[in-house]
Protein backbone atom coordinates (compact mmCIF):
# COMPACT_ATOMS: atom_id res chain seq x y z
CA MET A 1 38.46 -16.72 -5.62
CA ARG A 2 40.48 -13.51 -6.27
CA LYS A 3 41.17 -11.84 -3.13
CA TYR A 4 40.80 -8.23 -3.50
CA PRO A 5 42.99 -5.73 -1.20
CA LYS A 6 41.46 -3.59 1.51
CA ALA A 7 41.20 0.29 1.15
CA ILE A 8 41.32 2.85 3.87
CA PRO A 9 41.36 6.52 3.50
CA CYS A 10 44.91 8.14 4.18
CA VAL A 11 46.75 11.26 4.19
CA ILE A 12 50.38 11.51 4.27
CA MET A 13 51.91 14.35 5.95
CA ARG A 14 55.33 15.43 7.07
CA GLY A 15 55.36 16.95 10.37
CA GLY A 16 58.89 18.36 11.47
CA THR A 17 61.55 16.12 10.66
CA SER A 18 59.21 12.85 10.50
CA LYS A 19 56.57 11.91 8.01
CA GLY A 20 53.54 9.70 8.90
CA LEU A 21 50.42 8.10 7.93
CA PHE A 22 47.04 10.13 9.10
CA PHE A 23 43.82 8.45 9.72
CA LEU A 24 40.18 9.14 11.06
CA LYS A 25 39.85 6.75 13.94
CA GLU A 26 36.41 5.94 12.40
CA ASP A 27 38.12 4.66 9.17
CA LEU A 28 40.36 2.03 11.05
CA PRO A 29 39.46 -1.21 12.19
CA PHE A 30 38.05 -0.94 15.85
CA GLU A 31 39.82 -3.91 17.32
CA LYS A 32 43.27 -3.17 18.40
CA GLU A 33 44.77 -6.44 17.21
CA GLU A 34 42.94 -5.96 13.69
CA ARG A 35 43.97 -2.48 13.71
CA ASP A 36 47.62 -3.12 14.37
CA ARG A 37 47.81 -6.09 11.79
CA ALA A 38 46.59 -3.25 9.20
CA LEU A 39 48.80 -0.54 10.16
CA LEU A 40 51.87 -3.18 9.70
CA ALA A 41 50.50 -4.23 6.59
CA ILE A 42 50.24 -0.65 5.28
CA MET A 43 53.51 0.56 6.20
CA GLY A 44 55.20 -2.88 5.07
CA SER A 45 56.36 -4.28 8.36
CA PRO A 46 58.18 -6.20 9.23
CA ASP A 47 60.99 -5.47 6.41
CA VAL A 48 64.16 -3.39 6.52
CA ARG A 49 63.00 -1.68 3.16
CA GLN A 50 59.29 -1.66 3.75
CA ILE A 51 59.10 -2.32 0.08
CA ASN A 52 55.60 -3.63 0.16
CA GLY A 53 53.94 -0.54 1.79
CA LEU A 54 54.25 3.30 2.53
CA GLY A 55 56.92 3.20 5.00
CA GLY A 56 60.26 4.75 4.22
CA ALA A 57 62.46 2.31 6.00
CA ALA A 58 63.40 4.24 8.99
CA SER A 59 61.69 5.13 12.14
CA VAL A 60 61.08 8.67 11.62
CA THR A 61 59.25 7.63 8.34
CA SER A 62 57.17 4.74 9.85
CA LYS A 63 54.76 6.58 12.17
CA VAL A 64 51.01 6.99 12.43
CA ALA A 65 48.34 9.70 13.70
CA ILE A 66 44.94 8.55 14.57
CA LEU A 67 42.47 11.38 15.14
CA SER A 68 38.72 11.78 15.99
CA PRO A 69 36.58 14.94 17.51
CA SER A 70 36.67 15.32 21.07
CA GLU A 71 33.97 15.39 23.61
CA ARG A 72 36.30 16.66 26.31
CA PRO A 73 35.54 20.26 27.51
CA GLY A 74 37.93 22.71 25.97
CA ILE A 75 39.65 20.05 23.41
CA ASP A 76 39.12 20.08 20.18
CA VAL A 77 40.34 16.66 19.00
CA GLU A 78 41.76 13.65 20.16
CA TYR A 79 45.12 12.23 18.85
CA THR A 80 46.76 8.89 19.18
CA PHE A 81 50.56 8.32 17.79
CA ALA A 82 51.42 4.72 16.87
CA GLN A 83 55.10 4.01 16.18
CA VAL A 84 55.27 1.11 13.65
CA SER A 85 58.56 -0.64 14.05
CA VAL A 86 60.06 -1.08 10.55
CA ASP A 87 61.86 -4.61 11.17
CA LYS A 88 59.90 -6.18 13.75
CA PRO A 89 55.85 -6.95 14.00
CA ILE A 90 55.22 -4.38 16.75
CA VAL A 91 53.06 -1.15 16.89
CA SER A 92 53.94 0.65 20.01
CA TYR A 93 51.61 3.42 21.52
CA GLU A 94 53.93 4.39 24.10
CA GLY A 95 54.79 7.97 24.51
CA ASN A 96 54.02 10.80 21.67
CA CYS A 97 55.78 12.32 18.71
CA GLY A 98 56.27 15.91 18.92
CA ASN A 99 56.95 16.09 15.19
CA ILE A 100 54.15 14.13 14.36
CA SER A 101 52.10 16.30 16.68
CA SER A 102 53.00 19.48 14.62
CA ALA A 103 50.89 18.13 11.30
CA VAL A 104 47.79 17.18 13.76
CA ALA A 105 46.12 20.44 13.71
CA PRO A 106 46.49 20.94 9.55
CA PHE A 107 45.03 17.35 9.29
CA ALA A 108 42.26 18.28 11.66
CA ILE A 109 41.52 21.43 9.66
CA LYS A 110 41.76 19.39 6.31
CA LYS A 111 39.37 16.86 7.42
CA GLY A 112 36.79 19.30 8.76
CA LEU A 113 37.40 18.63 12.72
CA VAL A 114 38.11 22.40 13.30
CA SER A 115 37.11 25.17 11.40
CA ALA A 116 40.16 27.64 10.41
CA LYS A 117 39.96 31.19 11.44
CA GLU A 118 42.01 34.17 10.09
CA PRO A 119 45.06 34.93 10.52
CA TYR A 120 45.90 31.91 12.99
CA THR A 121 44.14 29.22 14.29
CA GLU A 122 44.61 27.31 17.60
CA VAL A 123 43.47 23.69 18.14
CA ARG A 124 43.71 22.34 21.31
CA ILE A 125 44.96 18.54 21.36
CA TRP A 126 44.48 15.71 23.68
CA ASN A 127 47.10 13.24 23.19
CA THR A 128 45.83 9.87 24.06
CA ASN A 129 49.37 8.09 24.50
CA THR A 130 50.62 10.87 27.28
CA ARG A 131 47.24 12.18 28.45
CA LYS A 132 48.25 15.61 27.83
CA VAL A 133 47.14 19.08 26.21
CA ILE A 134 48.95 20.16 23.09
CA LEU A 135 48.10 23.84 22.02
CA SER A 136 48.75 23.98 18.06
CA LYS A 137 48.85 27.60 16.64
CA ILE A 138 49.21 27.63 12.76
CA ARG A 139 48.75 30.18 10.20
CA THR A 140 45.32 29.92 8.24
CA GLU A 141 43.79 31.87 5.39
CA GLU A 142 40.48 31.78 3.55
CA GLY A 143 39.34 28.46 5.42
CA GLU A 144 42.87 26.63 4.67
CA VAL A 145 46.21 25.92 6.07
CA VAL A 146 49.04 28.01 4.93
CA TYR A 147 51.95 25.51 4.50
CA GLN A 148 54.25 27.98 2.68
CA GLY A 149 56.61 30.29 4.64
CA ASP A 150 60.22 31.41 5.30
CA PHE A 151 60.66 29.65 8.50
CA PHE A 152 63.39 26.79 8.25
CA ILE A 153 63.97 23.93 10.78
CA PRO A 154 67.20 21.65 10.33
CA GLY A 155 66.46 18.42 8.97
CA VAL A 156 63.99 20.02 6.33
CA PRO A 157 65.24 21.26 2.86
CA SER A 158 62.74 23.87 2.45
CA PRO A 159 61.07 26.45 4.41
CA GLY A 160 57.65 26.37 5.52
CA SER A 161 54.79 28.24 7.70
CA PRO A 162 56.04 28.01 11.61
CA ILE A 163 53.87 26.10 13.90
CA LYS A 164 53.92 26.48 17.47
CA LEU A 165 53.51 23.80 19.89
CA SER A 166 52.73 24.32 23.26
CA PHE A 167 52.78 21.35 25.40
CA LEU A 168 50.60 22.34 28.72
CA ASN A 169 51.51 21.07 32.34
CA PRO A 170 53.82 18.19 30.48
CA VAL A 171 55.06 16.66 33.54
CA GLY A 172 54.57 13.18 34.63
CA THR A 173 53.15 11.19 31.24
CA LEU A 174 54.00 8.13 33.53
CA ASP A 175 51.98 9.50 36.27
CA LYS A 176 55.19 9.37 38.23
CA GLY A 177 56.05 13.10 38.34
CA LEU A 178 59.14 15.08 36.60
CA LEU A 179 61.39 12.49 38.44
CA PRO A 180 59.80 9.13 37.86
CA THR A 181 62.23 7.66 40.30
CA GLY A 182 62.51 10.49 42.83
CA ASN A 183 66.10 11.22 41.91
CA VAL A 184 68.06 13.91 40.10
CA VAL A 185 70.26 11.23 39.16
CA ASP A 186 70.40 7.38 39.30
CA ARG A 187 73.38 5.16 39.13
CA ILE A 188 73.07 2.11 36.79
CA ASP A 189 75.01 -0.96 36.72
CA GLY A 190 76.48 -0.84 33.14
CA GLY A 191 78.59 -3.72 33.33
CA ARG A 192 82.07 -3.37 31.88
CA LEU A 193 80.89 0.30 31.46
CA GLY A 194 81.04 0.27 35.23
CA GLU A 195 78.41 2.65 36.98
CA VAL A 196 76.38 4.64 34.71
CA VAL A 197 74.77 8.09 35.87
CA VAL A 198 71.82 8.77 34.55
CA SER A 199 69.21 11.51 35.02
CA MET A 200 65.55 10.10 34.15
CA VAL A 201 63.36 13.21 33.39
CA ASP A 202 59.48 12.86 32.40
CA ALA A 203 58.13 16.03 30.66
CA ALA A 204 56.16 15.53 27.39
CA ASN A 205 57.84 12.03 27.09
CA PRO A 206 60.10 10.19 29.41
CA LEU A 207 63.58 10.57 28.65
CA VAL A 208 67.06 9.05 30.09
CA PHE A 209 69.79 11.38 29.90
CA VAL A 210 73.51 10.02 30.01
CA ARG A 211 76.93 11.76 29.62
CA ALA A 212 78.28 11.19 26.10
CA GLU A 213 81.75 10.38 27.56
CA THR A 214 80.47 7.64 29.29
CA PHE A 215 80.49 5.62 26.25
CA GLY A 216 83.75 7.25 25.00
CA LEU A 217 82.13 9.66 22.89
CA THR A 218 82.35 13.39 22.55
CA GLY A 219 78.88 14.10 21.88
CA THR A 220 79.30 15.72 18.23
CA GLU A 221 79.15 12.15 16.58
CA LEU A 222 76.56 11.86 13.32
CA PRO A 223 74.31 8.95 12.96
CA ARG A 224 76.25 7.07 10.54
CA SER A 225 79.07 6.68 13.16
CA ILE A 226 76.85 5.59 16.04
CA ASP A 227 74.78 3.26 14.08
CA SER A 228 77.83 1.42 12.61
CA GLN A 229 79.22 0.61 16.00
CA GLY A 230 77.15 -2.57 16.97
CA GLU A 231 78.61 -3.01 20.25
CA LEU A 232 77.96 0.52 21.08
CA LEU A 233 74.51 0.27 20.12
CA GLU A 234 74.09 -2.77 22.59
CA LYS A 235 75.81 -1.01 25.14
CA LEU A 236 73.11 1.92 24.83
CA GLU A 237 70.27 -0.38 24.48
CA MET A 238 71.54 -2.00 27.82
CA VAL A 239 71.48 1.08 29.74
CA ARG A 240 68.03 2.42 28.35
CA GLY A 241 66.76 -1.24 29.04
CA LYS A 242 67.68 -1.04 32.55
CA CYS A 243 66.31 2.34 33.04
CA ALA A 244 62.84 0.93 31.52
CA VAL A 245 62.78 -1.71 34.34
CA LEU A 246 63.40 0.85 37.01
CA LEU A 247 60.34 2.84 35.14
CA ASN A 248 58.52 -0.62 35.61
CA LEU A 249 57.77 -0.46 31.65
CA CYS A 250 59.45 -3.94 31.49
CA HIS A 251 60.53 -6.67 33.68
CA HIS A 252 63.94 -7.62 32.19
CA TRP A 253 66.15 -4.77 30.58
CA GLU A 254 66.78 -7.41 27.58
CA SER A 255 63.25 -7.53 26.76
CA ALA A 256 62.69 -3.55 26.61
CA LYS A 257 63.23 -3.36 22.74
CA VAL A 258 60.02 -5.52 22.41
CA GLU A 259 58.16 -4.77 25.63
CA SER A 260 59.02 -0.91 25.58
CA PRO A 261 61.12 -0.06 22.53
CA ALA A 262 59.70 3.55 22.27
CA ILE A 263 60.19 4.76 25.70
CA PRO A 264 61.93 5.94 27.44
CA LYS A 265 64.39 7.17 24.94
CA LEU A 266 68.05 7.66 25.68
CA CYS A 267 69.79 10.77 24.87
CA LEU A 268 73.65 11.50 24.95
CA VAL A 269 74.61 14.98 26.03
CA ALA A 270 77.80 16.89 26.32
CA PRO A 271 78.81 20.69 26.69
CA SER A 272 78.40 22.68 23.67
CA GLN A 273 81.22 22.34 21.13
CA ASN A 274 82.09 22.93 17.55
CA TYR A 275 81.01 20.25 15.44
CA GLU A 276 79.59 19.54 11.53
CA THR A 277 76.14 18.68 10.85
CA VAL A 278 75.22 15.94 8.48
CA GLU A 279 75.11 18.01 5.71
CA GLY A 280 78.51 19.78 6.44
CA LYS A 281 77.60 22.77 8.13
CA SER A 282 79.67 24.15 10.80
CA ILE A 283 77.90 24.70 14.23
CA THR A 284 80.20 26.60 17.00
CA ALA A 285 79.86 26.03 20.66
CA GLY A 286 78.66 29.92 20.83
CA ASP A 287 75.57 28.73 18.63
CA ILE A 288 74.27 26.24 21.20
CA HIS A 289 73.77 25.56 24.63
CA ILE A 290 74.01 21.64 24.60
CA SER A 291 75.12 18.90 22.34
CA ALA A 292 73.18 15.97 22.27
CA ARG A 293 72.37 13.10 20.45
CA MET A 294 69.03 10.99 20.69
CA MET A 295 68.12 7.47 20.02
CA SER A 296 64.86 6.28 18.57
CA MET A 297 63.76 2.74 18.25
CA GLN A 298 67.51 1.39 18.88
CA LYS A 299 68.97 3.75 16.09
CA THR A 300 70.03 7.40 16.22
CA HIS A 301 67.75 10.02 15.53
CA PRO A 302 68.91 11.84 12.30
CA THR A 303 67.82 15.09 14.04
CA TYR A 304 65.96 15.46 17.42
CA ALA A 305 62.76 14.58 18.31
CA MET A 306 60.36 17.36 19.26
CA THR A 307 59.29 15.91 22.67
CA GLY A 308 62.91 15.00 23.44
CA ALA A 309 63.81 18.73 22.88
CA MET A 310 60.84 19.60 25.35
CA CYS A 311 62.08 17.09 27.99
CA THR A 312 65.69 18.16 27.56
CA THR A 313 64.44 21.70 28.23
CA ALA A 314 62.84 20.94 31.27
CA ALA A 315 65.71 19.00 32.80
CA SER A 316 68.11 21.84 31.78
CA VAL A 317 66.53 23.97 34.67
CA MET A 318 66.44 21.18 37.06
CA GLU A 319 69.93 21.65 38.85
CA GLY A 320 72.06 18.59 39.41
CA THR A 321 70.75 16.51 36.35
CA VAL A 322 72.89 15.34 33.66
CA VAL A 323 71.76 18.25 31.43
CA TRP A 324 71.86 20.85 33.59
CA GLU A 325 75.50 20.00 34.31
CA ALA A 326 75.96 20.24 30.55
CA CYS A 327 74.66 23.58 30.00
CA THR A 328 75.63 25.56 32.99
CA SER A 329 77.21 28.29 31.06
CA ARG A 330 73.58 29.98 29.49
CA GLU A 331 72.38 33.06 31.29
CA ASP A 332 68.58 33.02 30.00
CA THR A 333 66.95 29.80 31.19
CA SER A 334 63.72 30.32 29.45
CA LYS A 335 65.27 28.84 26.24
CA LEU A 336 67.41 26.36 25.21
CA LEU A 337 69.50 25.83 21.92
CA ILE A 338 70.15 22.06 21.46
CA GLY A 339 73.12 21.25 18.86
CA HIS A 340 71.89 18.09 17.05
CA PRO A 341 73.11 16.04 13.95
CA GLY A 342 70.91 18.28 11.68
CA GLY A 343 71.62 21.74 13.35
CA VAL A 344 70.14 23.49 16.21
CA MET A 345 66.74 23.29 17.78
CA GLU A 346 65.24 26.09 19.92
CA SER A 347 62.69 25.19 22.44
CA GLY A 348 61.17 27.17 25.60
CA ILE A 349 59.95 26.58 28.99
CA ASP A 350 57.62 28.73 30.95
CA TYR A 351 58.28 27.69 34.63
CA THR A 352 58.28 29.14 38.17
CA TYR A 353 58.39 28.07 41.70
CA ASP A 354 55.94 27.20 44.30
CA GLU A 355 56.03 28.71 47.79
CA LYS A 356 57.86 25.54 49.11
CA GLY A 357 60.64 25.97 46.38
CA ASN A 358 59.13 23.04 43.95
CA LEU A 359 59.51 23.68 40.38
CA ASP A 360 56.40 24.07 38.40
CA ILE A 361 56.63 23.92 34.78
CA ARG A 362 53.52 25.20 33.14
CA SER A 363 54.29 24.78 29.44
CA LEU A 364 57.12 23.80 26.97
CA TYR A 365 57.09 24.73 23.39
CA GLY A 366 58.81 24.93 20.27
CA PHE A 367 58.35 25.52 16.62
CA ARG A 368 57.94 23.14 13.70
CA THR A 369 56.48 23.25 10.18
CA ALA A 370 54.51 20.85 8.41
CA ASN A 371 53.53 19.85 4.52
CA LEU A 372 50.33 18.09 3.07
CA LEU A 373 51.89 15.51 0.88
CA MET A 374 49.16 13.28 -0.52
CA GLU A 375 45.61 12.10 0.33
CA GLY A 376 43.85 9.11 -0.87
CA LEU A 377 43.29 5.58 -0.26
CA ALA A 378 45.87 3.18 1.29
CA TYR A 379 45.74 -0.59 0.02
CA TYR A 380 46.76 -3.50 1.89
CA SER A 381 46.25 -7.22 2.20
CA LEU A 382 46.59 -9.62 5.53
CA ALA A 383 48.22 -12.75 5.00
CA GLU A 384 45.73 -15.77 5.95
């Protein structure tokens, strides 16, 4: 008997510097195990080329957004992010992707979950991964999303209409506060590296910040240089894995890449300095406040994750963190200019101090663009 492939309605969208598959929750299998098998098959994982699926053979193009209407007061839609591993049979729901988040509101309007207003539509999004609210403000005309514009973001060759993402009350996605270990810095046994000083901060997503010089790096390296050094990648994953253990995300650091591959993300930071982007553009020290390189799924992020920028910005206003030490020269602490492999990312923070002197972060925000690429059916077959 001939077996026909299954089909699920699907939209492919670019969000920021990532690309993903967008689904309505009602269209996907209800049971998690069956849903994960479907997502792996649709992406073409595990396979380093993802040749038999819609994935783009990189972590930034192997992402999924699942949406549904929300019954929560004051919330328009609920959104679940899934990171589909390229070369492993793993679908991770840990943490959120800020870049993919920028395409959530456009998708919600496209599918009729939210009615568009003029000239802007604000969509309140509940991210189920982090249990946090994201406010997305996008340009809309005649009931449709306006994708065209003149706003450029590094890592995307063409301009678009800016989308403002505000992460409201973003602290503590792990329910352990802004400093999940209670320390501004922690000291990790790095084996042959010796003692490794890190700052673990949780805002929008949990991140581990470490000085680039710890690994003999300047903080200006490009992804190809880092990813070509197998021993370096192992050291970076060891530090990340040991931090994952401290955060109770896994029991042994060696298993972190399987049990908690997506969080915490690790970020290498250094003071602002001159460097060249992947496209050969010159960035001067005066253009940025900090130089940073982020790891994603055990490889170097080609640009910089949106939630990573949010967490980096939060860490930058906390005296004593690795990030704060790297960017003490800036005068205006309400915004941060991050120098990454693709260029410069700007992010902002609205914060104050309570009567006891404790830091109160009300929101973190940044700007992205998005684009609608394809709408149709995703076909897939499951092995018996």
